[in-house]
C-alpha atoms as a PDB file:
ATOM      1  CA  MET A   1     -71.951 205.616  -3.273  1.00  0.00           C
ATOM      2  CA  TRP A   2     -70.720 202.210  -2.087  1.00  0.00           C
ATOM      3  CA  VAL A   3     -69.050 199.791  -4.446  1.00  0.00           C
ATOM      4  CA  THR A   4     -68.965 196.150  -3.442  1.00  0.00           C
ATOM      5  CA  ALA A   5     -67.441 193.075  -4.948  1.00  0.00           C
ATOM      6  CA  THR A   6     -69.916 190.630  -6.402  1.00  0.00           C
ATOM      7  CA  ASP A   7     -69.851 187.050  -5.280  1.00  0.00           C
ATOM      8  CA  GLU A   8     -69.871 184.337  -7.925  1.00  0.00           C
ATOM      9  CA  ASN A   9     -71.734 182.010  -5.576  1.00  0.00           C
ATOM     10  CA  PRO A  10     -75.200 183.460  -4.857  1.00  0.00           C
ATOM     11  CA  ARG A  11     -76.080 180.968  -2.095  1.00  0.00           C
ATOM     12  CA  PRO A  12     -76.201 182.210   1.501  1.00  0.00           C
ATOM     13  CA  TRP A  13     -72.928 181.812   3.375  1.00  0.00           C
ATOM     14  CA  ARG A  14     -72.460 180.399   6.855  1.00  0.00           C
ATOM     15  CA  PHE A  15     -70.887 183.028   9.113  1.00  0.00           C
ATOM     16  CA  ARG A  16     -67.914 180.828  10.039  1.00  0.00           C
ATOM     17  CA  GLU A  17     -67.328 180.013   6.349  1.00  0.00           C
ATOM     18  CA  ALA A  18     -67.364 183.716   5.431  1.00  0.00           C
ATOM     19  CA  LEU A  19     -64.907 184.527   8.219  1.00  0.00           C
ATOM     20  CA  LYS A  20     -62.550 181.826   6.927  1.00  0.00           C
ATOM     21  CA  GLU A  21     -62.810 182.392   3.184  1.00  0.00           C
ATOM     22  CA  LYS A  22     -63.448 186.135   2.977  1.00  0.00           C
ATOM     23  CA  ALA A  23     -61.712 187.481   6.102  1.00  0.00           C
ATOM     24  CA  GLY A  24     -58.922 184.887   6.151  1.00  0.00           C
ATOM     25  CA  LEU A  25     -59.375 183.839   9.783  1.00  0.00           C
ATOM     26  CA  THR A  26     -58.355 180.430  11.081  1.00  0.00           C
ATOM     27  CA  ASP A  27     -60.679 178.149  13.070  1.00  0.00           C
ATOM     28  CA  LYS A  28     -58.746 179.018  16.228  1.00  0.00           C
ATOM     29  CA  GLU A  29     -59.124 182.768  15.574  1.00  0.00           C
ATOM     30  CA  ILE A  30     -62.848 182.355  14.869  1.00  0.00           C
ATOM     31  CA  ASP A  31     -63.366 180.367  18.080  1.00  0.00           C
ATOM     32  CA  LYS A  32     -61.580 183.091  20.051  1.00  0.00           C
ATOM     33  CA  LEU A  33     -63.622 185.795  18.294  1.00  0.00           C
ATOM     34  CA  PHE A  34     -66.892 184.028  19.140  1.00  0.00           C
ATOM     35  CA  ALA A  35     -65.813 183.454  22.746  1.00  0.00           C
ATOM     36  CA  THR A  36     -64.692 187.019  23.435  1.00  0.00           C
ATOM     37  CA  SER A  37     -66.940 189.231  21.300  1.00  0.00           C
ATOM     38  CA  ASP A  38     -70.262 190.781  22.143  1.00  0.00           C
ATOM     39  CA  HIS A  39     -73.094 189.371  20.002  1.00  0.00           C
ATOM     40  CA  LEU A  40     -73.939 192.802  18.569  1.00  0.00           C
ATOM     41  CA  ASN A  41     -70.334 193.250  17.433  1.00  0.00           C
ATOM     42  CA  LEU A  42     -70.497 189.881  15.664  1.00  0.00           C
ATOM     43  CA  VAL A  43     -73.693 190.940  13.886  1.00  0.00           C
ATOM     44  CA  GLU A  44     -72.011 194.158  12.756  1.00  0.00           C
ATOM     45  CA  LEU A  45     -68.994 192.167  11.544  1.00  0.00           C
ATOM     46  CA  GLY A  46     -71.274 189.871   9.562  1.00  0.00           C
ATOM     47  CA  MET A  47     -73.053 192.835   7.996  1.00  0.00           C
ATOM     48  CA  ALA A  48     -69.707 194.392   7.086  1.00  0.00           C
ATOM     49  CA  LEU A  49     -68.622 191.150   5.374  1.00  0.00           C
ATOM     50  CA  GLU A  50     -71.884 191.105   3.434  1.00  0.00           C
ATOM     51  CA  GLU A  51     -71.408 194.669   2.261  1.00  0.00           C
ATOM     52  CA  ALA A  52     -67.716 194.363   1.470  1.00  0.00           C
ATOM     53  CA  TYR A  53     -67.948 191.113  -0.489  1.00  0.00           C
ATOM     54  CA  GLY A  54     -71.466 191.256  -1.917  1.00  0.00           C
ATOM     55  CA  ILE A  55     -72.493 188.080  -0.099  1.00  0.00           C
ATOM     56  CA  GLU A  56     -75.444 187.071   2.035  1.00  0.00           C
ATOM     57  CA  ILE A  57     -74.865 185.381   5.386  1.00  0.00           C
ATOM     58  CA  LEU A  58     -77.605 183.128   6.746  1.00  0.00           C
ATOM     59  CA  TYR A  59     -79.755 185.209   9.078  1.00  0.00           C
ATOM     60  CA  GLU A  60     -79.768 182.404  11.636  1.00  0.00           C
ATOM     61  CA  ASP A  61     -75.997 182.699  11.918  1.00  0.00           C
ATOM     62  CA  LEU A  62     -76.236 186.421  12.651  1.00  0.00           C
ATOM     63  CA  LEU A  63     -79.326 186.494  14.853  1.00  0.00           C
ATOM     64  CA  ILE A  64     -78.553 183.516  17.091  1.00  0.00           C
ATOM     65  CA  PRO A  65     -75.431 183.938  19.258  1.00  0.00           C
ATOM     66  CA  PRO A  66     -72.743 181.362  18.345  1.00  0.00           C
ATOM     67  CA  ASP A  67     -72.963 179.668  21.762  1.00  0.00           C
ATOM     68  CA  GLU A  68     -76.703 179.031  21.258  1.00  0.00           C
ATOM     69  CA  GLN A  69     -76.499 177.618  17.735  1.00  0.00           C
ATOM     70  CA  GLU A  70     -77.237 173.983  17.002  1.00  0.00           C
ATOM     71  CA  GLY A  71     -74.166 171.793  17.185  1.00  0.00           C
ATOM     72  CA  HIS A  72     -72.351 174.070  19.625  1.00  0.00           C
ATOM     73  CA  PRO A  73     -71.633 172.388  22.963  1.00  0.00           C
ATOM     74  CA  GLN A  74     -73.763 173.816  25.753  1.00  0.00           C
ATOM     75  CA  SER A  75     -72.154 174.519  29.105  1.00  0.00           C
END
């Protein structure tokens, strides 16, 4: 049986926001993580955050690679 913390804010979280507030990462660490991690590993990380903290991360943030999301500079 898994026990998870419940989140007081039931709204969906942005992935970057969850990494900052729940995992304690800085913007610089998140940028490096997004730049160097395989997309599948990022999805698994997002799912682990959801399970561990009882939150929901926007599906768009998990399904679309960070470099293809709106607002991210394209190369």
